[in-house]
């Protein structure tokens, strides 16, 4: 499989692409896509990077796996393709934005406009087998995406990391808190949100306040 990734990221991750684990990972992904139904489509696997170049990163939102339902995943964490019903976690994200910023609930679940403004919507695992959650975990993706987080932490300044839920919070150890901002909360999934761990975190207004404080243009979270 070719690594269809923006040049700005190739410059940062070139050493990873040459490592044995990454070559093994690409072989695994090739076999899976050849013999199974997998998501997202191959051309979308690196969408998070292609819509948010390294030099443009302002915010990082960490997810776990792509959606594994037909037609959902588009290569951005928490995002779905146009016209697809919003999954429960995305519904709760939009509800929090409604409350936090008083923006209307959007029709689209496609978060590409966020990515194009500098929000890296990064799943820890970039592929999945249809209807089998976590089916591509522990094949090398997590090692790769951990290196992505480390590269951002080392080479960037004043990035806002949004860590939602226990899985994302484990990535805190990869981030230099002396030069970046970290906002934590429960996961937007109904199980967490309905227990009071998500709603009211105001992460979207807080993110913009932190960016403005650092002299960086804020994110327009509004979708249509």
N, C-alpha and C. Protein backbone atom coordinates (compact mmCIF):
# COMPACT_ATOMS: atom_id res chain seq x y z
N UNK A 1 0.83 -1.19 0.00
CA UNK A 1 0.00 0.00 0.00
C UNK A 1 0.87 1.25 0.00
N UNK A 2 0.56 2.19 -0.86
CA UNK A 2 1.27 3.45 -0.88
C UNK A 2 0.82 4.33 0.29
N UNK A 3 1.74 5.08 0.85
CA UNK A 3 1.40 6.01 1.92
C UNK A 3 1.02 7.34 1.28
N UNK A 4 -0.28 7.53 1.11
CA UNK A 4 -0.80 8.73 0.47
C UNK A 4 -0.97 9.83 1.52
N UNK A 5 0.15 10.48 1.84
CA UNK A 5 0.15 11.45 2.94
C UNK A 5 0.83 12.74 2.49
N UNK A 6 0.34 13.85 2.98
CA UNK A 6 0.85 15.17 2.62
C UNK A 6 2.36 15.29 2.86
N UNK A 7 3.02 16.03 1.98
CA UNK A 7 4.48 16.17 2.04
C UNK A 7 4.96 16.72 3.39
N UNK A 8 4.18 17.60 3.99
CA UNK A 8 4.60 18.18 5.28
C UNK A 8 4.75 17.09 6.33
N UNK A 9 3.93 16.05 6.23
CA UNK A 9 4.01 14.94 7.18
C UNK A 9 5.11 13.96 6.79
N UNK A 10 5.33 13.79 5.50
CA UNK A 10 6.43 12.91 5.07
C UNK A 10 7.76 13.40 5.64
N UNK A 11 7.93 14.72 5.66
CA UNK A 11 9.17 15.28 6.20
C UNK A 11 9.34 14.94 7.68
N UNK A 12 8.23 14.89 8.42
CA UNK A 12 8.29 14.64 9.86
C UNK A 12 8.35 13.15 10.21
N UNK A 13 7.78 12.31 9.35
CA UNK A 13 7.58 10.90 9.70
C UNK A 13 8.37 9.94 8.80
N UNK A 14 9.27 10.49 8.03
CA UNK A 14 10.00 9.68 7.06
C UNK A 14 10.71 8.49 7.71
N UNK A 15 11.28 8.70 8.89
CA UNK A 15 11.98 7.60 9.56
C UNK A 15 11.03 6.48 9.95
N UNK A 16 9.79 6.85 10.34
CA UNK A 16 8.80 5.82 10.72
C UNK A 16 8.47 4.93 9.53
N UNK A 17 8.32 5.54 8.37
CA UNK A 17 7.93 4.79 7.18
C UNK A 17 8.96 3.72 6.81
N UNK A 18 10.19 3.90 7.25
CA UNK A 18 11.27 2.97 6.90
C UNK A 18 11.45 1.85 7.92
N UNK A 19 10.75 1.95 9.04
CA UNK A 19 10.95 0.97 10.11
C UNK A 19 10.22 -0.35 9.79
N UNK A 20 10.76 -1.47 10.26
CA UNK A 20 10.15 -2.78 9.97
C UNK A 20 8.69 -2.87 10.40
N UNK A 21 8.34 -2.32 11.57
CA UNK A 21 6.96 -2.45 12.04
C UNK A 21 5.99 -1.78 11.07
N UNK A 22 6.40 -0.66 10.46
CA UNK A 22 5.51 0.05 9.56
C UNK A 22 5.35 -0.70 8.25
N UNK A 23 6.42 -1.30 7.77
CA UNK A 23 6.33 -2.13 6.56
C UNK A 23 5.42 -3.33 6.81
N UNK A 24 5.55 -3.94 7.98
CA UNK A 24 4.66 -5.06 8.34
C UNK A 24 3.20 -4.58 8.43
N UNK A 25 3.01 -3.39 8.99
CA UNK A 25 1.66 -2.83 9.09
C UNK A 25 1.04 -2.64 7.71
N UNK A 26 1.79 -2.09 6.78
CA UNK A 26 1.25 -1.88 5.43
C UNK A 26 0.92 -3.20 4.75
N UNK A 27 1.72 -4.22 4.99
CA UNK A 27 1.43 -5.54 4.42
C UNK A 27 0.14 -6.10 5.01
N UNK A 28 -0.03 -5.93 6.33
CA UNK A 28 -1.26 -6.38 6.99
C UNK A 28 -2.47 -5.65 6.40
N UNK A 29 -2.37 -4.34 6.27
CA UNK A 29 -3.49 -3.56 5.75
C UNK A 29 -3.82 -3.98 4.31
N UNK A 30 -2.79 -4.18 3.50
CA UNK A 30 -3.02 -4.63 2.13
C UNK A 30 -3.80 -5.94 2.08
N UNK A 31 -3.39 -6.89 2.91
CA UNK A 31 -4.06 -8.19 2.95
C UNK A 31 -5.50 -8.05 3.42
N UNK A 32 -5.71 -7.24 4.44
CA UNK A 32 -7.06 -7.05 4.97
C UNK A 32 -7.98 -6.43 3.92
N UNK A 33 -7.50 -5.42 3.23
CA UNK A 33 -8.33 -4.75 2.23
C UNK A 33 -8.57 -5.65 1.01
N UNK A 34 -7.65 -6.56 0.79
CA UNK A 34 -7.79 -7.49 -0.34
C UNK A 34 -8.81 -8.59 -0.03
N UNK A 35 -8.85 -9.02 1.23
CA UNK A 35 -9.64 -10.20 1.59
C UNK A 35 -10.87 -9.91 2.44
N UNK A 36 -10.98 -8.68 2.97
CA UNK A 36 -12.09 -8.32 3.84
C UNK A 36 -12.66 -6.98 3.40
N UNK A 37 -13.85 -6.65 3.90
CA UNK A 37 -14.36 -5.29 3.73
C UNK A 37 -13.81 -4.46 4.88
N UNK A 38 -13.12 -3.37 4.54
CA UNK A 38 -12.47 -2.54 5.56
C UNK A 38 -12.80 -1.08 5.34
N UNK A 39 -12.67 -0.31 6.40
CA UNK A 39 -12.95 1.13 6.34
C UNK A 39 -11.82 1.91 7.01
N UNK A 40 -11.62 3.17 6.62
CA UNK A 40 -12.26 3.86 5.50
C UNK A 40 -11.72 3.33 4.18
N UNK A 41 -12.18 3.85 3.06
CA UNK A 41 -11.61 3.42 1.80
C UNK A 41 -10.13 3.81 1.78
N UNK A 42 -9.34 3.06 1.02
CA UNK A 42 -7.89 3.23 1.07
C UNK A 42 -7.45 4.68 0.84
N UNK A 43 -8.10 5.35 -0.06
CA UNK A 43 -7.69 6.73 -0.37
C UNK A 43 -7.97 7.70 0.76
N UNK A 44 -8.77 7.28 1.74
CA UNK A 44 -9.12 8.15 2.88
C UNK A 44 -8.33 7.84 4.15
N UNK A 45 -7.49 6.80 4.13
CA UNK A 45 -6.84 6.36 5.37
C UNK A 45 -6.06 7.49 6.04
N UNK A 46 -5.38 8.31 5.24
CA UNK A 46 -4.54 9.38 5.80
C UNK A 46 -5.20 10.76 5.66
N UNK A 47 -6.53 10.78 5.59
CA UNK A 47 -7.26 12.04 5.42
C UNK A 47 -6.96 13.05 6.52
N UNK A 48 -6.82 12.58 7.76
CA UNK A 48 -6.56 13.50 8.87
C UNK A 48 -5.31 14.33 8.60
N UNK A 49 -4.31 13.70 8.01
CA UNK A 49 -3.04 14.37 7.73
C UNK A 49 -3.13 15.23 6.46
N UNK A 50 -3.91 14.77 5.50
CA UNK A 50 -3.99 15.49 4.24
C UNK A 50 -4.85 16.74 4.33
N UNK A 51 -5.74 16.79 5.32
CA UNK A 51 -6.55 17.99 5.52
C UNK A 51 -5.97 18.91 6.59
N UNK A 52 -4.95 18.45 7.28
CA UNK A 52 -4.33 19.27 8.33
C UNK A 52 -2.82 19.08 8.24
N UNK A 53 -2.17 19.97 7.52
CA UNK A 53 -0.73 19.86 7.35
C UNK A 53 -0.01 20.13 8.68
N UNK A 54 1.20 19.60 8.77
CA UNK A 54 1.94 19.67 10.04
C UNK A 54 2.10 21.11 10.52
N UNK A 55 2.43 22.00 9.61
CA UNK A 55 2.68 23.39 10.02
C UNK A 55 1.41 24.11 10.44
N UNK A 56 0.24 23.55 10.11
CA UNK A 56 -1.03 24.23 10.39
C UNK A 56 -1.71 23.77 11.68
N UNK A 57 -1.14 22.78 12.36
CA UNK A 57 -1.83 22.19 13.52
C UNK A 57 -2.02 23.21 14.63
N UNK A 58 -3.26 23.33 15.08
CA UNK A 58 -3.60 24.15 16.25
C UNK A 58 -4.17 23.30 17.38
N UNK A 59 -4.95 22.27 16.99
CA UNK A 59 -5.71 21.46 17.93
C UNK A 59 -5.57 19.99 17.52
N UNK A 60 -5.50 19.10 18.51
CA UNK A 60 -5.49 17.66 18.24
C UNK A 60 -6.63 17.02 19.03
N UNK A 61 -7.49 16.30 18.33
CA UNK A 61 -8.57 15.53 18.96
C UNK A 61 -8.29 14.05 18.69
N UNK A 62 -8.12 13.28 19.76
CA UNK A 62 -7.70 11.88 19.63
C UNK A 62 -8.89 10.94 19.78
N UNK A 63 -9.10 10.12 18.77
CA UNK A 63 -10.10 9.05 18.82
C UNK A 63 -9.40 7.71 18.91
N UNK A 64 -10.19 6.65 18.84
CA UNK A 64 -9.61 5.31 18.99
C UNK A 64 -9.59 4.55 17.67
N UNK A 65 -10.75 4.19 17.15
CA UNK A 65 -10.88 3.44 15.89
C UNK A 65 -11.76 4.21 14.92
N UNK A 66 -11.62 3.96 13.63
CA UNK A 66 -12.62 4.48 12.69
C UNK A 66 -13.97 3.81 12.95
N UNK A 67 -15.05 4.45 12.53
CA UNK A 67 -16.36 3.80 12.57
C UNK A 67 -16.31 2.56 11.66
N UNK A 68 -16.99 1.50 12.09
CA UNK A 68 -16.91 0.25 11.32
C UNK A 68 -18.19 -0.08 10.58
N UNK A 69 -19.16 0.87 10.54
CA UNK A 69 -20.37 0.66 9.76
C UNK A 69 -20.19 1.10 8.31
N UNK A 70 -21.00 0.56 7.44
CA UNK A 70 -20.89 0.85 6.00
C UNK A 70 -21.09 2.35 5.74
N UNK A 71 -20.15 2.94 5.01
CA UNK A 71 -20.29 4.32 4.57
C UNK A 71 -20.02 5.39 5.60
N UNK A 72 -19.61 5.01 6.81
CA UNK A 72 -19.43 6.00 7.87
C UNK A 72 -18.06 6.68 7.83
N UNK A 73 -16.99 5.91 7.96
CA UNK A 73 -15.65 6.47 8.19
C UNK A 73 -15.14 7.25 6.99
N UNK A 74 -14.52 8.42 7.28
CA UNK A 74 -13.91 9.19 6.21
C UNK A 74 -12.46 9.57 6.53
N UNK A 75 -11.86 8.89 7.50
CA UNK A 75 -10.45 9.12 7.80
C UNK A 75 -10.18 10.18 8.85
N UNK A 76 -11.23 10.76 9.42
CA UNK A 76 -11.10 11.77 10.47
C UNK A 76 -11.80 11.25 11.71
N UNK A 77 -11.18 11.38 12.87
CA UNK A 77 -11.81 10.87 14.09
C UNK A 77 -13.13 11.57 14.35
N UNK A 78 -14.12 10.78 14.76
CA UNK A 78 -15.48 11.22 15.11
C UNK A 78 -16.31 11.69 13.91
N UNK A 79 -15.72 11.80 12.74
CA UNK A 79 -16.38 12.36 11.56
C UNK A 79 -17.02 11.26 10.71
N UNK A 80 -18.11 11.60 10.03
CA UNK A 80 -18.73 10.69 9.06
C UNK A 80 -18.90 11.40 7.73
N UNK A 81 -19.15 10.62 6.71
CA UNK A 81 -19.35 11.18 5.37
C UNK A 81 -20.68 11.93 5.31
N UNK A 82 -20.78 12.78 4.30
CA UNK A 82 -22.00 13.54 4.08
C UNK A 82 -23.20 12.61 3.95
N UNK A 83 -24.31 13.00 4.55
CA UNK A 83 -25.55 12.25 4.39
C UNK A 83 -25.68 11.05 5.30
N UNK A 84 -24.66 10.77 6.11
CA UNK A 84 -24.68 9.61 7.02
C UNK A 84 -25.25 10.04 8.37
N UNK A 85 -26.10 9.20 8.94
CA UNK A 85 -26.67 9.47 10.26
C UNK A 85 -25.55 9.67 11.27
N UNK A 86 -25.71 10.65 12.14
CA UNK A 86 -24.67 10.95 13.12
C UNK A 86 -24.61 9.86 14.20
N UNK A 87 -23.45 9.25 14.42
CA UNK A 87 -23.30 8.29 15.51
C UNK A 87 -23.50 8.98 16.87
N UNK A 88 -23.81 8.20 17.91
CA UNK A 88 -24.13 8.80 19.22
C UNK A 88 -23.06 9.73 19.77
N UNK A 89 -21.79 9.38 19.64
CA UNK A 89 -20.73 10.25 20.18
C UNK A 89 -20.71 11.59 19.45
N UNK A 90 -20.91 11.55 18.15
CA UNK A 90 -20.91 12.78 17.37
C UNK A 90 -22.13 13.64 17.72
N UNK A 91 -23.25 12.99 17.96
CA UNK A 91 -24.45 13.72 18.41
C UNK A 91 -24.13 14.50 19.68
N UNK A 92 -23.47 13.85 20.61
CA UNK A 92 -23.15 14.51 21.89
C UNK A 92 -22.10 15.60 21.74
N UNK A 93 -21.19 15.44 20.80
CA UNK A 93 -20.23 16.51 20.50
C UNK A 93 -20.99 17.75 20.01
N UNK A 94 -21.91 17.53 19.10
CA UNK A 94 -22.68 18.66 18.54
C UNK A 94 -23.60 19.29 19.60
N UNK A 95 -24.14 18.47 20.49
CA UNK A 95 -24.98 19.02 21.57
C UNK A 95 -24.16 19.90 22.51
N UNK A 96 -22.92 19.48 22.79
CA UNK A 96 -22.07 20.30 23.64
C UNK A 96 -21.71 21.61 22.95
N UNK A 97 -21.46 21.56 21.66
CA UNK A 97 -21.17 22.80 20.91
C UNK A 97 -22.39 23.73 20.94
N UNK A 98 -23.58 23.13 20.81
CA UNK A 98 -24.82 23.93 20.90
C UNK A 98 -24.86 24.69 22.22
N UNK A 99 -24.58 23.97 23.32
CA UNK A 99 -24.67 24.58 24.65
C UNK A 99 -23.53 25.56 24.89
N UNK A 100 -22.35 25.18 24.46
CA UNK A 100 -21.14 25.95 24.75
C UNK A 100 -21.07 27.24 23.93
N UNK A 101 -21.35 27.13 22.66
CA UNK A 101 -21.15 28.26 21.74
C UNK A 101 -22.44 28.82 21.17
N UNK A 102 -23.56 28.19 21.54
CA UNK A 102 -24.87 28.61 21.03
C UNK A 102 -24.91 28.59 19.50
N UNK A 103 -24.32 27.55 18.94
CA UNK A 103 -24.37 27.33 17.49
C UNK A 103 -25.45 26.31 17.18
N UNK A 104 -26.08 26.38 16.01
CA UNK A 104 -27.13 25.43 15.66
C UNK A 104 -26.58 24.03 15.43
N UNK A 105 -27.39 23.03 15.77
CA UNK A 105 -27.01 21.64 15.50
C UNK A 105 -26.89 21.47 13.98
N UNK A 106 -25.76 20.96 13.48
CA UNK A 106 -25.56 20.90 12.02
C UNK A 106 -26.24 19.70 11.36
N UNK A 107 -26.48 19.83 10.07
CA UNK A 107 -27.01 18.72 9.28
C UNK A 107 -25.90 17.72 8.97
N UNK A 108 -24.72 18.23 8.68
CA UNK A 108 -23.61 17.37 8.29
C UNK A 108 -22.87 16.82 9.50
N UNK A 109 -22.34 15.60 9.36
CA UNK A 109 -21.45 15.03 10.37
C UNK A 109 -20.02 14.99 9.87
N UNK A 110 -19.78 15.63 8.73
CA UNK A 110 -18.45 15.66 8.12
C UNK A 110 -17.64 16.79 8.75
N UNK A 111 -16.59 16.44 9.46
CA UNK A 111 -15.79 17.41 10.21
C UNK A 111 -14.60 17.95 9.42
N UNK A 112 -14.59 17.73 8.11
CA UNK A 112 -13.48 18.21 7.28
C UNK A 112 -13.22 19.70 7.44
N UNK A 113 -14.26 20.56 7.57
CA UNK A 113 -13.97 21.99 7.76
C UNK A 113 -13.14 22.28 9.01
N UNK A 114 -13.29 21.47 10.05
CA UNK A 114 -12.43 21.64 11.22
C UNK A 114 -10.99 21.30 10.87
N UNK A 115 -10.82 20.16 10.20
CA UNK A 115 -9.47 19.71 9.83
C UNK A 115 -8.77 20.75 8.96
N UNK A 116 -9.52 21.36 8.05
CA UNK A 116 -8.94 22.35 7.14
C UNK A 116 -8.51 23.62 7.86
N UNK A 117 -8.98 23.81 9.10
CA UNK A 117 -8.57 24.97 9.90
C UNK A 117 -7.42 24.67 10.86
N UNK A 118 -6.96 23.42 10.87
CA UNK A 118 -5.84 23.09 11.75
C UNK A 118 -6.19 22.19 12.91
N UNK A 119 -7.32 21.49 12.82
CA UNK A 119 -7.69 20.52 13.85
C UNK A 119 -7.32 19.12 13.34
N UNK A 120 -6.33 18.50 13.97
CA UNK A 120 -5.93 17.15 13.58
C UNK A 120 -6.87 16.16 14.26
N UNK A 121 -7.72 15.52 13.48
CA UNK A 121 -8.71 14.56 13.98
C UNK A 121 -8.11 13.16 13.85
N UNK A 122 -7.35 12.78 14.86
CA UNK A 122 -6.47 11.62 14.79
C UNK A 122 -7.03 10.41 15.52
N UNK A 123 -7.31 9.36 14.78
CA UNK A 123 -7.61 8.07 15.41
C UNK A 123 -6.30 7.35 15.71
N UNK A 124 -6.24 6.66 16.84
CA UNK A 124 -5.04 5.90 17.19
C UNK A 124 -4.81 4.75 16.20
N UNK A 125 -5.90 4.16 15.73
CA UNK A 125 -5.86 3.12 14.71
C UNK A 125 -6.57 3.66 13.48
N UNK A 126 -5.93 3.58 12.32
CA UNK A 126 -6.46 4.28 11.15
C UNK A 126 -7.34 3.44 10.25
N UNK A 127 -7.43 2.14 10.51
CA UNK A 127 -8.27 1.26 9.70
C UNK A 127 -9.01 0.28 10.59
N UNK A 128 -10.05 -0.34 10.02
CA UNK A 128 -10.84 -1.32 10.77
C UNK A 128 -11.57 -2.24 9.80
N UNK A 129 -11.82 -3.46 10.23
CA UNK A 129 -12.62 -4.38 9.43
C UNK A 129 -14.10 -4.09 9.64
N UNK A 130 -14.89 -4.21 8.61
CA UNK A 130 -16.32 -3.90 8.69
C UNK A 130 -16.99 -4.65 9.83
N UNK A 131 -17.74 -3.92 10.65
CA UNK A 131 -18.56 -4.47 11.74
C UNK A 131 -17.75 -5.19 12.81
N UNK A 132 -16.43 -4.94 12.86
CA UNK A 132 -15.59 -5.58 13.87
C UNK A 132 -14.72 -4.53 14.55
N UNK A 133 -15.27 -3.92 15.58
CA UNK A 133 -14.53 -2.89 16.31
C UNK A 133 -13.21 -3.45 16.83
N UNK A 134 -12.19 -2.62 16.77
CA UNK A 134 -10.85 -2.95 17.29
C UNK A 134 -10.14 -4.04 16.51
N UNK A 135 -10.64 -4.40 15.35
CA UNK A 135 -10.08 -5.52 14.59
C UNK A 135 -8.69 -5.23 14.01
N UNK A 136 -8.31 -3.97 13.89
CA UNK A 136 -6.98 -3.64 13.38
C UNK A 136 -6.08 -3.03 14.45
N UNK A 137 -6.47 -3.20 15.70
CA UNK A 137 -5.60 -2.74 16.78
C UNK A 137 -4.42 -3.70 16.95
N UNK A 138 -3.35 -3.19 17.52
CA UNK A 138 -2.14 -3.97 17.86
C UNK A 138 -1.48 -4.57 16.63
N UNK A 139 -1.58 -3.85 15.51
CA UNK A 139 -0.89 -4.26 14.28
C UNK A 139 0.19 -3.26 13.89
N UNK A 140 0.30 -2.18 14.66
CA UNK A 140 1.32 -1.17 14.37
C UNK A 140 0.79 0.24 14.26
N UNK A 141 -0.51 0.38 14.06
CA UNK A 141 -1.05 1.74 13.93
C UNK A 141 -0.81 2.58 15.19
N UNK A 142 -1.00 1.96 16.36
CA UNK A 142 -0.84 2.72 17.60
C UNK A 142 0.59 3.22 17.77
N UNK A 143 1.56 2.40 17.36
CA UNK A 143 2.96 2.82 17.43
C UNK A 143 3.19 4.03 16.52
N UNK A 144 2.61 3.96 15.34
CA UNK A 144 2.75 5.06 14.37
C UNK A 144 2.10 6.34 14.89
N UNK A 145 0.86 6.24 15.35
CA UNK A 145 0.16 7.46 15.78
C UNK A 145 0.74 8.01 17.09
N UNK A 146 1.32 7.16 17.93
CA UNK A 146 2.04 7.68 19.10
C UNK A 146 3.23 8.53 18.65
N UNK A 147 3.91 8.10 17.59
CA UNK A 147 5.03 8.89 17.07
C UNK A 147 4.55 10.20 16.48
N UNK A 148 3.35 10.20 15.90
CA UNK A 148 2.76 11.43 15.40
C UNK A 148 2.57 12.42 16.56
N UNK A 149 2.00 11.93 17.66
CA UNK A 149 1.77 12.79 18.83
C UNK A 149 3.11 13.31 19.39
N UNK A 150 4.09 12.44 19.46
CA UNK A 150 5.41 12.85 19.96
C UNK A 150 6.03 13.92 19.07
N UNK A 151 5.89 13.76 17.76
CA UNK A 151 6.46 14.75 16.82
C UNK A 151 5.80 16.11 17.01
N UNK A 152 4.48 16.11 17.18
CA UNK A 152 3.76 17.36 17.42
C UNK A 152 4.23 17.99 18.72
N UNK A 153 4.33 17.16 19.76
CA UNK A 153 4.74 17.66 21.07
C UNK A 153 6.14 18.26 21.03
N UNK A 154 7.04 17.61 20.32
CA UNK A 154 8.44 18.03 20.29
C UNK A 154 8.66 19.27 19.42
N UNK A 155 8.02 19.28 18.26
CA UNK A 155 8.37 20.28 17.25
C UNK A 155 7.40 21.46 17.16
N UNK A 156 6.27 21.35 17.82
CA UNK A 156 5.29 22.44 17.79
C UNK A 156 5.21 23.11 19.17
N UNK A 157 4.53 24.24 19.21
CA UNK A 157 4.28 24.92 20.48
C UNK A 157 2.81 25.32 20.56
N UNK A 158 2.29 25.35 21.79
CA UNK A 158 0.95 25.90 22.05
C UNK A 158 -0.17 25.20 21.28
N UNK A 159 -0.03 23.90 21.09
CA UNK A 159 -1.12 23.11 20.50
C UNK A 159 -2.09 22.74 21.62
N UNK A 160 -3.38 22.76 21.33
CA UNK A 160 -4.40 22.36 22.31
C UNK A 160 -4.77 20.90 22.04
N UNK A 161 -4.51 20.03 23.00
CA UNK A 161 -4.85 18.62 22.90
C UNK A 161 -6.15 18.37 23.67
N UNK A 162 -7.15 17.81 22.99
CA UNK A 162 -8.41 17.47 23.63
C UNK A 162 -8.44 15.96 23.86
N UNK A 163 -8.39 15.57 25.12
CA UNK A 163 -8.32 14.15 25.51
C UNK A 163 -9.65 13.76 26.13
N UNK A 164 -10.43 13.02 25.37
CA UNK A 164 -11.79 12.64 25.77
C UNK A 164 -11.84 11.16 26.10
N UNK A 165 -12.03 10.85 27.36
CA UNK A 165 -12.16 9.45 27.77
C UNK A 165 -10.83 8.84 28.16
N UNK A 166 -10.91 7.68 28.80
CA UNK A 166 -9.74 7.02 29.35
C UNK A 166 -8.68 6.69 28.33
N UNK A 167 -9.08 6.23 27.15
CA UNK A 167 -8.10 5.86 26.13
C UNK A 167 -7.26 7.07 25.72
N UNK A 168 -7.95 8.17 25.40
CA UNK A 168 -7.22 9.37 24.96
C UNK A 168 -6.33 9.92 26.06
N UNK A 169 -6.79 9.85 27.31
CA UNK A 169 -6.01 10.40 28.42
C UNK A 169 -4.68 9.66 28.61
N UNK A 170 -4.61 8.41 28.17
CA UNK A 170 -3.36 7.66 28.26
C UNK A 170 -2.27 8.28 27.38
N UNK A 171 -2.67 9.06 26.40
CA UNK A 171 -1.70 9.70 25.50
C UNK A 171 -1.04 10.91 26.15
N UNK A 172 -1.50 11.29 27.33
CA UNK A 172 -0.96 12.47 28.00
C UNK A 172 0.54 12.35 28.23
N UNK A 173 1.00 11.14 28.45
CA UNK A 173 2.42 10.94 28.74
C UNK A 173 3.31 11.27 27.54
N UNK A 174 2.71 11.38 26.35
CA UNK A 174 3.47 11.68 25.14
C UNK A 174 3.58 13.18 24.88
N UNK A 175 2.89 13.99 25.69
CA UNK A 175 2.75 15.42 25.42
C UNK A 175 3.53 16.23 26.46
N UNK A 176 4.30 17.20 26.00
CA UNK A 176 5.04 18.09 26.88
C UNK A 176 4.10 19.19 27.37
N UNK A 177 3.67 19.06 28.62
CA UNK A 177 2.69 20.00 29.17
C UNK A 177 3.29 21.39 29.39
N UNK A 178 4.59 21.51 29.38
CA UNK A 178 5.21 22.82 29.59
C UNK A 178 5.08 23.73 28.38
N UNK A 179 4.74 23.16 27.22
CA UNK A 179 4.65 23.96 26.00
C UNK A 179 3.34 23.78 25.24
N UNK A 180 2.45 22.93 25.75
CA UNK A 180 1.16 22.69 25.10
C UNK A 180 0.03 22.76 26.13
N UNK A 181 -1.19 22.86 25.64
CA UNK A 181 -2.37 22.87 26.49
C UNK A 181 -3.08 21.53 26.39
N UNK A 182 -3.55 21.02 27.52
CA UNK A 182 -4.32 19.77 27.54
C UNK A 182 -5.65 20.02 28.24
N UNK A 183 -6.73 19.67 27.54
CA UNK A 183 -8.07 19.72 28.13
C UNK A 183 -8.59 18.29 28.19
N UNK A 184 -9.04 17.88 29.37
CA UNK A 184 -9.53 16.52 29.58
C UNK A 184 -11.01 16.51 29.94
N UNK A 185 -11.69 15.44 29.54
CA UNK A 185 -13.06 15.21 30.01
C UNK A 185 -13.41 13.76 29.76
N UNK A 186 -14.63 13.39 30.15
CA UNK A 186 -15.13 12.08 29.77
C UNK A 186 -15.33 12.01 28.27
N UNK A 187 -15.58 10.81 27.80
CA UNK A 187 -15.82 10.58 26.36
C UNK A 187 -17.24 11.03 26.00
N UNK A 188 -17.44 11.50 24.77
CA UNK A 188 -18.79 11.91 24.38
C UNK A 188 -19.77 10.76 24.11
N UNK A 189 -19.34 9.53 24.27
CA UNK A 189 -20.26 8.41 24.09
C UNK A 189 -21.39 8.48 25.11
N UNK A 190 -22.57 7.96 24.78
CA UNK A 190 -23.70 8.06 25.72
C UNK A 190 -23.40 7.50 27.10
N UNK A 191 -22.63 6.41 27.17
CA UNK A 191 -22.33 5.79 28.46
C UNK A 191 -21.65 6.79 29.40
N UNK A 192 -20.71 7.54 28.87
CA UNK A 192 -19.99 8.53 29.68
C UNK A 192 -20.79 9.82 29.82
N UNK A 193 -21.34 10.29 28.68
CA UNK A 193 -22.05 11.58 28.69
C UNK A 193 -23.25 11.56 29.62
N UNK A 194 -23.98 10.44 29.63
CA UNK A 194 -25.19 10.35 30.44
C UNK A 194 -24.89 10.23 31.94
N UNK A 195 -23.64 9.99 32.27
CA UNK A 195 -23.23 9.94 33.68
C UNK A 195 -22.66 11.28 34.14
N UNK A 196 -22.69 12.28 33.25
CA UNK A 196 -22.24 13.60 33.63
C UNK A 196 -20.78 13.89 33.39
N UNK A 197 -20.11 13.05 32.58
CA UNK A 197 -18.67 13.22 32.38
C UNK A 197 -18.32 13.97 31.10
N UNK A 198 -19.33 14.36 30.31
CA UNK A 198 -19.06 15.03 29.04
C UNK A 198 -19.68 16.42 28.96
N UNK A 199 -20.99 16.49 29.13
CA UNK A 199 -21.68 17.76 28.92
C UNK A 199 -21.22 18.82 29.92
N UNK A 200 -21.05 20.02 29.39
CA UNK A 200 -20.60 21.13 30.22
C UNK A 200 -19.10 21.30 30.29
N UNK A 201 -18.35 20.50 29.53
CA UNK A 201 -16.89 20.65 29.59
C UNK A 201 -16.40 21.93 28.90
N UNK A 202 -17.23 22.48 28.01
CA UNK A 202 -16.92 23.75 27.32
C UNK A 202 -15.56 23.72 26.62
N UNK A 203 -15.22 22.56 26.09
CA UNK A 203 -13.90 22.43 25.46
C UNK A 203 -13.75 23.28 24.21
N UNK A 204 -14.84 23.59 23.56
CA UNK A 204 -14.75 24.31 22.29
C UNK A 204 -14.49 25.80 22.53
N UNK A 205 -15.18 26.38 23.49
CA UNK A 205 -14.89 27.78 23.83
C UNK A 205 -13.54 27.89 24.53
N UNK A 206 -13.21 26.93 25.38
CA UNK A 206 -11.92 26.95 26.07
C UNK A 206 -10.76 26.84 25.08
N UNK A 207 -10.94 25.99 24.08
CA UNK A 207 -9.90 25.85 23.05
C UNK A 207 -9.67 27.18 22.35
N UNK A 208 -10.74 27.84 21.97
CA UNK A 208 -10.58 29.12 21.28
C UNK A 208 -9.95 30.19 22.17
N UNK A 209 -10.30 30.17 23.44
CA UNK A 209 -9.69 31.12 24.38
C UNK A 209 -8.18 30.90 24.49
N UNK A 210 -7.77 29.62 24.55
CA UNK A 210 -6.35 29.30 24.64
C UNK A 210 -5.61 29.70 23.37
N UNK A 211 -6.22 29.45 22.22
CA UNK A 211 -5.58 29.83 20.96
C UNK A 211 -5.42 31.34 20.87
N UNK A 212 -6.47 32.06 21.21
CA UNK A 212 -6.41 33.53 21.15
C UNK A 212 -5.39 34.09 22.13
N UNK A 213 -5.32 33.45 23.29
CA UNK A 213 -4.34 33.85 24.31
C UNK A 213 -2.91 33.74 23.77
N UNK A 214 -2.70 32.75 22.88
CA UNK A 214 -1.37 32.53 22.29
C UNK A 214 -1.19 33.26 20.96
N UNK A 215 -2.17 34.11 20.60
CA UNK A 215 -2.06 34.87 19.37
C UNK A 215 -2.32 34.07 18.12
N UNK A 216 -3.11 32.99 18.26
CA UNK A 216 -3.44 32.11 17.13
C UNK A 216 -4.92 32.27 16.80
N UNK A 217 -5.25 32.26 15.51
CA UNK A 217 -6.65 32.38 15.10
C UNK A 217 -7.47 31.23 15.67
N UNK A 218 -8.63 31.54 16.19
CA UNK A 218 -9.50 30.52 16.78
C UNK A 218 -10.14 29.66 15.70
N UNK A 219 -10.78 28.58 16.13
CA UNK A 219 -11.46 27.65 15.21
C UNK A 219 -12.93 28.05 15.08
N UNK A 220 -13.41 28.07 13.86
CA UNK A 220 -14.83 28.25 13.61
C UNK A 220 -15.46 26.86 13.65
N UNK A 221 -16.14 26.55 14.75
CA UNK A 221 -16.69 25.20 14.96
C UNK A 221 -18.03 25.01 14.25
N UNK A 222 -18.54 26.04 13.65
CA UNK A 222 -19.86 25.95 13.01
C UNK A 222 -19.81 25.08 11.76
N UNK A 223 -20.77 24.18 11.65
CA UNK A 223 -20.96 23.34 10.46
C UNK A 223 -22.37 23.57 9.94
N UNK A 224 -22.63 23.11 8.74
CA UNK A 224 -23.94 23.37 8.13
C UNK A 224 -24.63 22.06 7.74
